[in-house]
PDB file of all heavy atoms in Angstrom:
ATOM      1  N   SER A   1      48.951  63.678 198.495  1.00  0.00           N
ATOM      2  CA  SER A   1      50.016  63.535 199.519  1.00  0.00           C
ATOM      3  C   SER A   1      49.472  63.364 200.888  1.00  0.00           C
ATOM      4  O   SER A   1      50.190  63.056 201.821  1.00  0.00           O
ATOM      5  CB  SER A   1      50.999  64.716 199.483  1.00  0.00           C
ATOM      6  OG  SER A   1      50.323  65.935 199.794  1.00  0.00           O
ATOM      7  N   GLY A   2      48.170  63.599 201.032  1.00  0.00           N
ATOM      8  CA  GLY A   2      47.514  63.380 202.362  1.00  0.00           C
ATOM      9  C   GLY A   2      47.887  64.465 203.332  1.00  0.00           C
ATOM     10  O   GLY A   2      48.583  65.412 203.067  1.00  0.00           O
ATOM     11  N   SER A   3      47.299  64.320 204.533  1.00  0.00           N
ATOM     12  CA  SER A   3      47.671  65.183 205.654  1.00  0.00           C
ATOM     13  C   SER A   3      47.981  64.347 206.877  1.00  0.00           C
ATOM     14  O   SER A   3      47.441  63.269 207.048  1.00  0.00           O
ATOM     15  CB  SER A   3      46.560  66.208 206.009  1.00  0.00           C
ATOM     16  OG  SER A   3      45.367  65.486 206.274  1.00  0.00           O
ATOM     17  N   ARG A   4      48.910  64.804 207.689  1.00  0.00           N
ATOM     18  CA  ARG A   4      49.419  63.941 208.744  1.00  0.00           C
ATOM     19  C   ARG A   4      50.008  64.772 209.887  1.00  0.00           C
ATOM     20  O   ARG A   4      50.376  65.869 209.679  1.00  0.00           O
ATOM     21  CB  ARG A   4      50.447  62.942 208.261  1.00  0.00           C
ATOM     22  CG  ARG A   4      51.723  63.563 207.626  1.00  0.00           C
ATOM     23  CD  ARG A   4      51.592  63.909 206.197  1.00  0.00           C
ATOM     24  NE  ARG A   4      52.823  64.421 205.574  1.00  0.00           N
ATOM     25  CZ  ARG A   4      52.861  65.139 204.481  1.00  0.00           C
ATOM     26  NH1 ARG A   4      51.815  65.418 203.853  1.00  0.00           N
ATOM     27  NH2 ARG A   4      54.035  65.515 204.019  1.00  0.00           N
ATOM     28  N   ARG A   5      50.124  64.133 211.034  1.00  0.00           N
ATOM     29  CA  ARG A   5      50.813  64.760 212.199  1.00  0.00           C
ATOM     30  C   ARG A   5      51.583  63.750 212.940  1.00  0.00           C
ATOM     31  O   ARG A   5      51.187  62.626 213.111  1.00  0.00           O
ATOM     32  CB  ARG A   5      49.699  65.371 213.136  1.00  0.00           C
ATOM     33  CG  ARG A   5      50.293  66.075 214.369  1.00  0.00           C
ATOM     34  CD  ARG A   5      49.186  66.572 215.267  1.00  0.00           C
ATOM     35  NE  ARG A   5      48.396  67.594 214.659  1.00  0.00           N
ATOM     36  CZ  ARG A   5      47.089  67.523 214.398  1.00  0.00           C
ATOM     37  NH1 ARG A   5      46.457  66.386 214.787  1.00  0.00           N
ATOM     38  NH2 ARG A   5      46.423  68.452 213.849  1.00  0.00           N
ATOM     39  N   TRP A   6      52.763  64.091 213.319  1.00  0.00           N
ATOM     40  CA  TRP A   6      53.684  63.173 214.056  1.00  0.00           C
ATOM     41  C   TRP A   6      54.447  63.943 215.118  1.00  0.00           C
ATOM     42  O   TRP A   6      55.111  64.946 214.821  1.00  0.00           O
ATOM     43  CB  TRP A   6      54.648  62.503 213.070  1.00  0.00           C
ATOM     44  CG  TRP A   6      55.375  61.339 213.651  1.00  0.00           C
ATOM     45  CD1 TRP A   6      56.381  61.324 214.563  1.00  0.00           C
ATOM     46  CD2 TRP A   6      55.080  59.977 213.394  1.00  0.00           C
ATOM     47  NE1 TRP A   6      56.747  60.070 214.882  1.00  0.00           N
ATOM     48  CE2 TRP A   6      55.956  59.175 214.175  1.00  0.00           C
ATOM     49  CE3 TRP A   6      54.176  59.335 212.545  1.00  0.00           C
ATOM     50  CZ2 TRP A   6      55.995  57.773 214.137  1.00  0.00           C
ATOM     51  CZ3 TRP A   6      54.179  57.949 212.527  1.00  0.00           C
ATOM     52  CH2 TRP A   6      55.059  57.204 213.306  1.00  0.00           C
ATOM     53  N   SER A   7      54.325  63.540 216.332  1.00  0.00           N
ATOM     54  CA  SER A   7      54.990  64.240 217.462  1.00  0.00           C
ATOM     55  C   SER A   7      55.421  63.203 218.474  1.00  0.00           C
ATOM     56  O   SER A   7      54.683  62.894 219.390  1.00  0.00           O
ATOM     57  CB  SER A   7      54.063  65.261 218.101  1.00  0.00           C
ATOM     58  OG  SER A   7      54.725  65.949 219.150  1.00  0.00           O
ATOM     59  N   ASP A   8      56.638  62.749 218.391  1.00  0.00           N
ATOM     60  CA  ASP A   8      57.156  61.722 219.306  1.00  0.00           C
ATOM     61  C   ASP A   8      57.516  62.322 220.662  1.00  0.00           C
ATOM     62  O   ASP A   8      57.864  61.604 221.576  1.00  0.00           O
ATOM     63  CB  ASP A   8      58.343  60.989 218.699  1.00  0.00           C
ATOM     64  CG  ASP A   8      59.587  61.829 218.579  1.00  0.00           C
ATOM     65  OD1 ASP A   8      59.455  63.077 218.434  1.00  0.00           O
ATOM     66  OD2 ASP A   8      60.696  61.305 218.613  1.00  0.00           O
ATOM     67  N   LEU A   9      57.447  63.631 220.822  1.00  0.00           N
ATOM     68  CA  LEU A   9      57.798  64.259 222.102  1.00  0.00           C
ATOM     69  C   LEU A   9      56.671  63.974 223.151  1.00  0.00           C
ATOM     70  O   LEU A   9      56.861  64.281 224.357  1.00  0.00           O
ATOM     71  CB  LEU A   9      57.973  65.742 221.975  1.00  0.00           C
ATOM     72  CG  LEU A   9      59.106  66.150 221.053  1.00  0.00           C
ATOM     73  CD1 LEU A   9      59.239  67.668 220.964  1.00  0.00           C
ATOM     74  CD2 LEU A   9      60.470  65.546 221.509  1.00  0.00           C
ATOM     75  N   ARG A  10      55.512  63.464 222.731  1.00  0.00           N
ATOM     76  CA  ARG A  10      54.431  63.197 223.648  1.00  0.00           C
ATOM     77  C   ARG A  10      54.716  62.007 224.539  1.00  0.00           C
ATOM     78  O   ARG A  10      54.149  61.820 225.570  1.00  0.00           O
ATOM     79  CB  ARG A  10      53.149  62.864 222.868  1.00  0.00           C
ATOM     80  CG  ARG A  10      52.471  64.162 222.309  1.00  0.00           C
ATOM     81  CD  ARG A  10      51.210  63.733 221.511  1.00  0.00           C
ATOM     82  NE  ARG A  10      50.530  64.949 221.052  1.00  0.00           N
ATOM     83  CZ  ARG A  10      49.617  64.895 220.124  1.00  0.00           C
ATOM     84  NH1 ARG A  10      49.299  63.751 219.536  1.00  0.00           N
ATOM     85  NH2 ARG A  10      48.943  65.991 219.786  1.00  0.00           N
ATOM     86  N   SER A  11      55.703  61.136 224.095  1.00  0.00           N
ATOM     87  CA  SER A  11      56.063  59.979 224.876  1.00  0.00           C
ATOM     88  C   SER A  11      57.547  59.875 224.932  1.00  0.00           C
ATOM     89  O   SER A  11      58.217  59.946 223.847  1.00  0.00           O
ATOM     90  CB  SER A  11      55.407  58.733 224.286  1.00  0.00           C
ATOM     91  OG  SER A  11      55.655  57.631 225.110  1.00  0.00           O
ATOM     92  N   PRO A  12      58.143  59.772 226.103  1.00  0.00           N
ATOM     93  CA  PRO A  12      59.637  59.805 226.228  1.00  0.00           C
ATOM     94  C   PRO A  12      60.317  58.791 225.361  1.00  0.00           C
ATOM     95  O   PRO A  12      59.793  57.679 225.100  1.00  0.00           O
ATOM     96  CB  PRO A  12      59.856  59.602 227.678  1.00  0.00           C
ATOM     97  CG  PRO A  12      58.601  59.922 228.322  1.00  0.00           C
ATOM     98  CD  PRO A  12      57.562  59.573 227.367  1.00  0.00           C
ATOM     99  N   GLN A  13      61.542  59.062 224.944  1.00  0.00           N
ATOM    100  CA  GLN A  13      62.317  58.124 224.153  1.00  0.00           C
ATOM    101  C   GLN A  13      62.721  56.949 225.006  1.00  0.00           C
ATOM    102  O   GLN A  13      63.502  57.107 225.942  1.00  0.00           O
ATOM    103  CB  GLN A  13      63.540  58.817 223.548  1.00  0.00           C
ATOM    104  CG  GLN A  13      64.391  57.898 222.676  1.00  0.00           C
ATOM    105  CD  GLN A  13      65.566  58.704 222.108  1.00  0.00           C
ATOM    106  OE1 GLN A  13      65.601  59.918 222.157  1.00  0.00           O
ATOM    107  NE2 GLN A  13      66.533  57.994 221.540  1.00  0.00           N
ATOM    108  N   SER A  14      62.298  55.737 224.687  1.00  0.00           N
ATOM    109  CA  SER A  14      62.648  54.551 225.410  1.00  0.00           C
ATOM    110  C   SER A  14      62.073  53.361 224.681  1.00  0.00           C
ATOM    111  O   SER A  14      61.428  53.498 223.656  1.00  0.00           O
ATOM    112  CB  SER A  14      62.143  54.584 226.845  1.00  0.00           C
ATOM    113  OG  SER A  14      60.742  54.699 226.855  1.00  0.00           O
ATOM    114  N   VAL A  15      62.257  52.146 225.198  1.00  0.00           N
ATOM    115  CA  VAL A  15      61.696  50.966 224.610  1.00  0.00           C
ATOM    116  C   VAL A  15      60.291  50.848 225.126  1.00  0.00           C
ATOM    117  O   VAL A  15      60.049  50.353 226.236  1.00  0.00           O
ATOM    118  CB  VAL A  15      62.549  49.704 224.969  1.00  0.00           C
ATOM    119  CG1 VAL A  15      61.937  48.484 224.301  1.00  0.00           C
ATOM    120  CG2 VAL A  15      63.952  49.867 224.499  1.00  0.00           C
ATOM    121  N   LEU A  16      59.336  51.246 224.297  1.00  0.00           N
ATOM    122  CA  LEU A  16      57.935  51.257 224.694  1.00  0.00           C
ATOM    123  C   LEU A  16      57.084  50.626 223.664  1.00  0.00           C
ATOM    124  O   LEU A  16      57.467  50.429 222.491  1.00  0.00           O
ATOM    125  CB  LEU A  16      57.463  52.724 224.971  1.00  0.00           C
ATOM    126  CG  LEU A  16      58.177  53.462 226.077  1.00  0.00           C
ATOM    127  CD1 LEU A  16      57.804  54.912 226.078  1.00  0.00           C
ATOM    128  CD2 LEU A  16      57.828  52.880 227.456  1.00  0.00           C
ATOM    129  N   ALA A  17      55.860  50.310 224.051  1.00  0.00           N
ATOM    130  CA  ALA A  17      54.931  49.632 223.127  1.00  0.00           C
ATOM    131  C   ALA A  17      54.480  50.561 221.992  1.00  0.00           C
ATOM    132  O   ALA A  17      54.100  51.667 222.220  1.00  0.00           O
ATOM    133  CB  ALA A  17      53.696  49.138 223.905  1.00  0.00           C
ATOM    134  N   VAL A  18      54.566  50.031 220.763  1.00  0.00           N
ATOM    135  CA  VAL A  18      54.117  50.707 219.561  1.00  0.00           C
ATOM    136  C   VAL A  18      52.961  49.907 218.991  1.00  0.00           C
ATOM    137  O   VAL A  18      53.007  48.691 218.853  1.00  0.00           O
ATOM    138  CB  VAL A  18      55.182  50.905 218.536  1.00  0.00           C
ATOM    139  CG1 VAL A  18      54.611  51.416 217.214  1.00  0.00           C
ATOM    140  CG2 VAL A  18      56.235  51.902 219.043  1.00  0.00           C
ATOM    141  N   ALA A  19      51.838  50.634 218.619  1.00  0.00           N
ATOM    142  CA  ALA A  19      50.707  49.945 218.056  1.00  0.00           C
ATOM    143  C   ALA A  19      50.063  50.870 217.044  1.00  0.00           C
ATOM    144  O   ALA A  19      50.224  52.119 217.129  1.00  0.00           O
ATOM    145  CB  ALA A  19      49.693  49.538 219.139  1.00  0.00           C
ATOM    146  N   VAL A  20      49.323  50.294 216.070  1.00  0.00           N
ATOM    147  CA  VAL A  20      48.679  51.083 215.025  1.00  0.00           C
ATOM    148  C   VAL A  20      47.179  50.751 215.009  1.00  0.00           C
ATOM    149  O   VAL A  20      46.784  49.581 215.121  1.00  0.00           O
ATOM    150  CB  VAL A  20      49.308  50.756 213.650  1.00  0.00           C
ATOM    151  CG1 VAL A  20      48.661  51.574 212.541  1.00  0.00           C
ATOM    152  CG2 VAL A  20      50.840  50.989 213.663  1.00  0.00           C
ATOM    153  N   VAL A  21      46.380  51.775 214.835  1.00  0.00           N
ATOM    154  CA  VAL A  21      44.937  51.581 214.662  1.00  0.00           C
ATOM    155  C   VAL A  21      44.508  52.343 213.384  1.00  0.00           C
ATOM    156  O   VAL A  21      44.748  53.523 213.239  1.00  0.00           O
ATOM    157  CB  VAL A  21      44.160  52.165 215.861  1.00  0.00           C
ATOM    158  CG1 VAL A  21      42.636  51.985 215.607  1.00  0.00           C
ATOM    159  CG2 VAL A  21      44.531  51.491 217.180  1.00  0.00           C
ATOM    160  N   VAL A  22      43.857  51.572 212.473  1.00  0.00           N
ATOM    161  CA  VAL A  22      43.383  52.145 211.226  1.00  0.00           C
ATOM    162  C   VAL A  22      41.868  52.211 211.274  1.00  0.00           C
ATOM    163  O   VAL A  22      41.200  51.208 211.545  1.00  0.00           O
ATOM    164  CB  VAL A  22      43.792  51.312 210.024  1.00  0.00           C
ATOM    165  CG1 VAL A  22      43.235  51.924 208.710  1.00  0.00           C
ATOM    166  CG2 VAL A  22      45.302  51.177 209.955  1.00  0.00           C
ATOM    167  N   SER A  23      41.282  53.423 211.151  1.00  0.00           N
ATOM    168  CA  SER A  23      39.826  53.589 211.159  1.00  0.00           C
ATOM    169  C   SER A  23      39.340  53.686 209.755  1.00  0.00           C
ATOM    170  O   SER A  23      39.653  54.697 209.054  1.00  0.00           O
ATOM    171  CB  SER A  23      39.459  54.854 211.937  1.00  0.00           C
ATOM    172  OG  SER A  23      38.068  55.095 211.770  1.00  0.00           O
ATOM    173  N   LEU A  24      38.591  52.685 209.258  1.00  0.00           N
ATOM    174  CA  LEU A  24      38.040  52.706 207.929  1.00  0.00           C
ATOM    175  C   LEU A  24      37.005  53.833 207.777  1.00  0.00           C
ATOM    176  O   LEU A  24      37.019  54.533 206.756  1.00  0.00           O
ATOM    177  CB  LEU A  24      37.459  51.392 207.526  1.00  0.00           C
ATOM    178  CG  LEU A  24      38.440  50.192 207.551  1.00  0.00           C
ATOM    179  CD1 LEU A  24      37.733  48.912 207.080  1.00  0.00           C
ATOM    180  CD2 LEU A  24      39.634  50.475 206.718  1.00  0.00           C
ATOM    181  N   PRO A  25      36.112  54.038 208.728  1.00  0.00           N
ATOM    182  CA  PRO A  25      35.094  55.092 208.562  1.00  0.00           C
ATOM    183  C   PRO A  25      35.748  56.481 208.451  1.00  0.00           C
ATOM    184  O   PRO A  25      35.257  57.341 207.672  1.00  0.00           O
ATOM    185  CB  PRO A  25      34.195  54.982 209.800  1.00  0.00           C
ATOM    186  CG  PRO A  25      34.382  53.546 210.286  1.00  0.00           C
ATOM    187  CD  PRO A  25      35.787  53.220 209.914  1.00  0.00           C
ATOM    188  N   GLU A  26      36.749  56.716 209.226  1.00  0.00           N
ATOM    189  CA  GLU A  26      37.402  58.036 209.277  1.00  0.00           C
ATOM    190  C   GLU A  26      38.468  58.162 208.227  1.00  0.00           C
ATOM    191  O   GLU A  26      38.921  59.278 207.902  1.00  0.00           O
ATOM    192  CB  GLU A  26      38.048  58.296 210.624  1.00  0.00           C
ATOM    193  CG  GLU A  26      37.060  58.514 211.773  1.00  0.00           C
ATOM    194  CD  GLU A  26      37.744  58.900 213.054  1.00  0.00           C
ATOM    195  OE1 GLU A  26      38.971  58.584 213.201  1.00  0.00           O
ATOM    196  OE2 GLU A  26      37.083  59.532 213.845  1.00  0.00           O
ATOM    197  N   GLN A  27      38.919  57.038 207.623  1.00  0.00           N
ATOM    198  CA  GLN A  27      40.102  56.995 206.699  1.00  0.00           C
ATOM    199  C   GLN A  27      41.261  57.690 207.377  1.00  0.00           C
ATOM    200  O   GLN A  27      41.931  58.564 206.783  1.00  0.00           O
ATOM    201  CB  GLN A  27      39.710  57.682 205.388  1.00  0.00           C
ATOM    202  CG  GLN A  27      38.722  56.929 204.522  1.00  0.00           C
ATOM    203  CD  GLN A  27      39.307  55.648 203.953  1.00  0.00           C
ATOM    204  OE1 GLN A  27      40.059  55.653 203.005  1.00  0.00           O
ATOM    205  NE2 GLN A  27      39.015  54.501 204.594  1.00  0.00           N
ATOM    206  N   LEU A  28      41.562  57.256 208.583  1.00  0.00           N
ATOM    207  CA  LEU A  28      42.717  57.815 209.370  1.00  0.00           C
ATOM    208  C   LEU A  28      43.495  56.609 209.936  1.00  0.00           C
ATOM    209  O   LEU A  28      42.925  55.565 210.308  1.00  0.00           O
ATOM    210  CB  LEU A  28      42.218  58.704 210.475  1.00  0.00           C
ATOM    211  CG  LEU A  28      41.605  60.050 210.149  1.00  0.00           C
ATOM    212  CD1 LEU A  28      41.076  60.742 211.380  1.00  0.00           C
ATOM    213  CD2 LEU A  28      42.624  60.933 209.451  1.00  0.00           C
ATOM    214  N   THR A  29      44.780  56.794 210.003  1.00  0.00           N
ATOM    215  CA  THR A  29      45.715  55.866 210.666  1.00  0.00           C
ATOM    216  C   THR A  29      46.328  56.527 211.865  1.00  0.00           C
ATOM    217  O   THR A  29      46.950  57.626 211.732  1.00  0.00           O
ATOM    218  CB  THR A  29      46.789  55.383 209.632  1.00  0.00           C
ATOM    219  OG1 THR A  29      46.179  54.692 208.570  1.00  0.00           O
ATOM    220  CG2 THR A  29      47.766  54.471 210.372  1.00  0.00           C
ATOM    221  N   HIS A  30      46.210  55.865 213.011  1.00  0.00           N
ATOM    222  CA  HIS A  30      46.712  56.430 214.285  1.00  0.00           C
ATOM    223  C   HIS A  30      47.880  55.526 214.754  1.00  0.00           C
ATOM    224  O   HIS A  30      47.785  54.276 214.729  1.00  0.00           O
ATOM    225  CB  HIS A  30      45.603  56.367 215.361  1.00  0.00           C
ATOM    226  CG  HIS A  30      44.386  57.128 214.982  1.00  0.00           C
ATOM    227  ND1 HIS A  30      44.104  58.352 215.409  1.00  0.00           N
ATOM    228  CD2 HIS A  30      43.360  56.757 214.132  1.00  0.00           C
ATOM    229  CE1 HIS A  30      42.928  58.789 214.910  1.00  0.00           C
ATOM    230  NE2 HIS A  30      42.475  57.831 214.138  1.00  0.00           N
ATOM    231  N   VAL A  31      48.963  56.131 215.236  1.00  0.00           N
ATOM    232  CA  VAL A  31      50.093  55.379 215.788  1.00  0.00           C
ATOM    233  C   VAL A  31      50.247  55.724 217.284  1.00  0.00           C
ATOM    234  O   VAL A  31      50.265  56.925 217.629  1.00  0.00           O
ATOM    235  CB  VAL A  31      51.377  55.711 215.033  1.00  0.00           C
ATOM    236  CG1 VAL A  31      52.533  54.896 215.573  1.00  0.00           C
ATOM    237  CG2 VAL A  31      51.239  55.487 213.540  1.00  0.00           C
ATOM    238  N   TYR A  32      50.374  54.699 218.110  1.00  0.00           N
ATOM    239  CA  TYR A  32      50.443  54.901 219.552  1.00  0.00           C
ATOM    240  C   TYR A  32      51.725  54.320 220.052  1.00  0.00           C
ATOM    241  O   TYR A  32      52.260  53.287 219.556  1.00  0.00           O
ATOM    242  CB  TYR A  32      49.263  54.211 220.250  1.00  0.00           C
ATOM    243  CG  TYR A  32      47.928  54.811 219.928  1.00  0.00           C
ATOM    244  CD1 TYR A  32      47.186  54.421 218.801  1.00  0.00           C
ATOM    245  CD2 TYR A  32      47.411  55.808 220.778  1.00  0.00           C
ATOM    246  CE1 TYR A  32      45.946  55.018 218.548  1.00  0.00           C
ATOM    247  CE2 TYR A  32      46.154  56.361 220.463  1.00  0.00           C
ATOM    248  CZ  TYR A  32      45.439  55.984 219.379  1.00  0.00           C
ATOM    249  OH  TYR A  32      44.254  56.589 219.090  1.00  0.00           O
ATOM    250  N   ARG A  33      52.279  54.941 221.056  1.00  0.00           N
ATOM    251  CA  ARG A  33      53.432  54.410 221.758  1.00  0.00           C
ATOM    252  C   ARG A  33      53.121  54.523 223.279  1.00  0.00           C
ATOM    253  O   ARG A  33      52.815  55.617 223.755  1.00  0.00           O
ATOM    254  CB  ARG A  33      54.687  55.124 221.451  1.00  0.00           C
ATOM    255  CG  ARG A  33      55.889  54.427 222.039  1.00  0.00           C
ATOM    256  CD  ARG A  33      57.225  55.100 221.679  1.00  0.00           C
ATOM    257  NE  ARG A  33      57.304  56.437 222.221  1.00  0.00           N
ATOM    258  CZ  ARG A  33      57.888  57.461 221.579  1.00  0.00           C
ATOM    259  NH1 ARG A  33      58.396  57.261 220.414  1.00  0.00           N
ATOM    260  NH2 ARG A  33      57.901  58.632 222.121  1.00  0.00           N
ATOM    261  N   ASN A  34      53.151  53.358 223.910  1.00  0.00           N
ATOM    262  CA  ASN A  34      52.831  53.362 225.345  1.00  0.00           C
ATOM    263  C   ASN A  34      51.377  53.853 225.628  1.00  0.00           C
ATOM    264  O   ASN A  34      51.157  54.463 226.660  1.00  0.00           O
ATOM    265  CB  ASN A  34      53.865  54.091 226.167  1.00  0.00           C
ATOM    266  CG  ASN A  34      53.965  53.574 227.591  1.00  0.00           C
ATOM    267  OD1 ASN A  34      53.741  52.447 227.906  1.00  0.00           O
ATOM    268  ND2 ASN A  34      54.155  54.488 228.481  1.00  0.00           N
ATOM    269  N   GLY A  35      50.517  53.617 224.656  1.00  0.00           N
ATOM    270  CA  GLY A  35      49.092  54.015 224.824  1.00  0.00           C
ATOM    271  C   GLY A  35      48.844  55.494 224.511  1.00  0.00           C
ATOM    272  O   GLY A  35      47.670  55.887 224.563  1.00  0.00           O
ATOM    273  N   VAL A  36      49.826  56.265 224.110  1.00  0.00           N
ATOM    274  CA  VAL A  36      49.655  57.699 223.741  1.00  0.00           C
ATOM    275  C   VAL A  36      49.871  57.864 222.291  1.00  0.00           C
ATOM    276  O   VAL A  36      50.850  57.360 221.725  1.00  0.00           O
ATOM    277  CB  VAL A  36      50.676  58.542 224.553  1.00  0.00           C
ATOM    278  CG1 VAL A  36      50.518  60.037 224.184  1.00  0.00           C
ATOM    279  CG2 VAL A  36      50.438  58.414 226.058  1.00  0.00           C
ATOM    280  N   ARG A  37      48.953  58.581 221.651  1.00  0.00           N
ATOM    281  CA  ARG A  37      49.113  58.798 220.211  1.00  0.00           C
ATOM    282  C   ARG A  37      50.265  59.700 219.856  1.00  0.00           C
ATOM    283  O   ARG A  37      50.370  60.828 220.371  1.00  0.00           O
ATOM    284  CB  ARG A  37      47.777  59.382 219.649  1.00  0.00           C
ATOM    285  CG  ARG A  37      47.789  59.446 218.126  1.00  0.00           C
ATOM    286  CD  ARG A  37      46.454  59.802 217.599  1.00  0.00           C
ATOM    287  NE  ARG A  37      46.060  61.150 217.999  1.00  0.00           N
ATOM    288  CZ  ARG A  37      44.820  61.651 217.856  1.00  0.00           C
ATOM    289  NH1 ARG A  37      43.840  60.860 217.380  1.00  0.00           N
ATOM    290  NH2 ARG A  37      44.558  62.864 218.219  1.00  0.00           N
ATOM    291  N   ILE A  38      51.128  59.217 219.009  1.00  0.00           N
ATOM    292  CA  ILE A  38      52.297  60.033 218.571  1.00  0.00           C
ATOM    293  C   ILE A  38      52.204  60.402 217.114  1.00  0.00           C
ATOM    294  O   ILE A  38      52.977  61.258 216.619  1.00  0.00           O
ATOM    295  CB  ILE A  38      53.623  59.317 218.801  1.00  0.00           C
ATOM    296  CG1 ILE A  38      53.674  57.942 218.071  1.00  0.00           C
ATOM    297  CG2 ILE A  38      53.843  59.113 220.306  1.00  0.00           C
ATOM    298  CD1 ILE A  38      55.014  57.275 218.088  1.00  0.00           C
TER     299      ILE A  38
END
């Protein structure tokens, strides 16, 4: 089931940029909104 963390309170609710970075060496997926990891 993996392990994960999600906290959208780090960036205010609004129409902001969302982007995803997948690191193959770390086997981790990072989600960013407005440049801040959520």
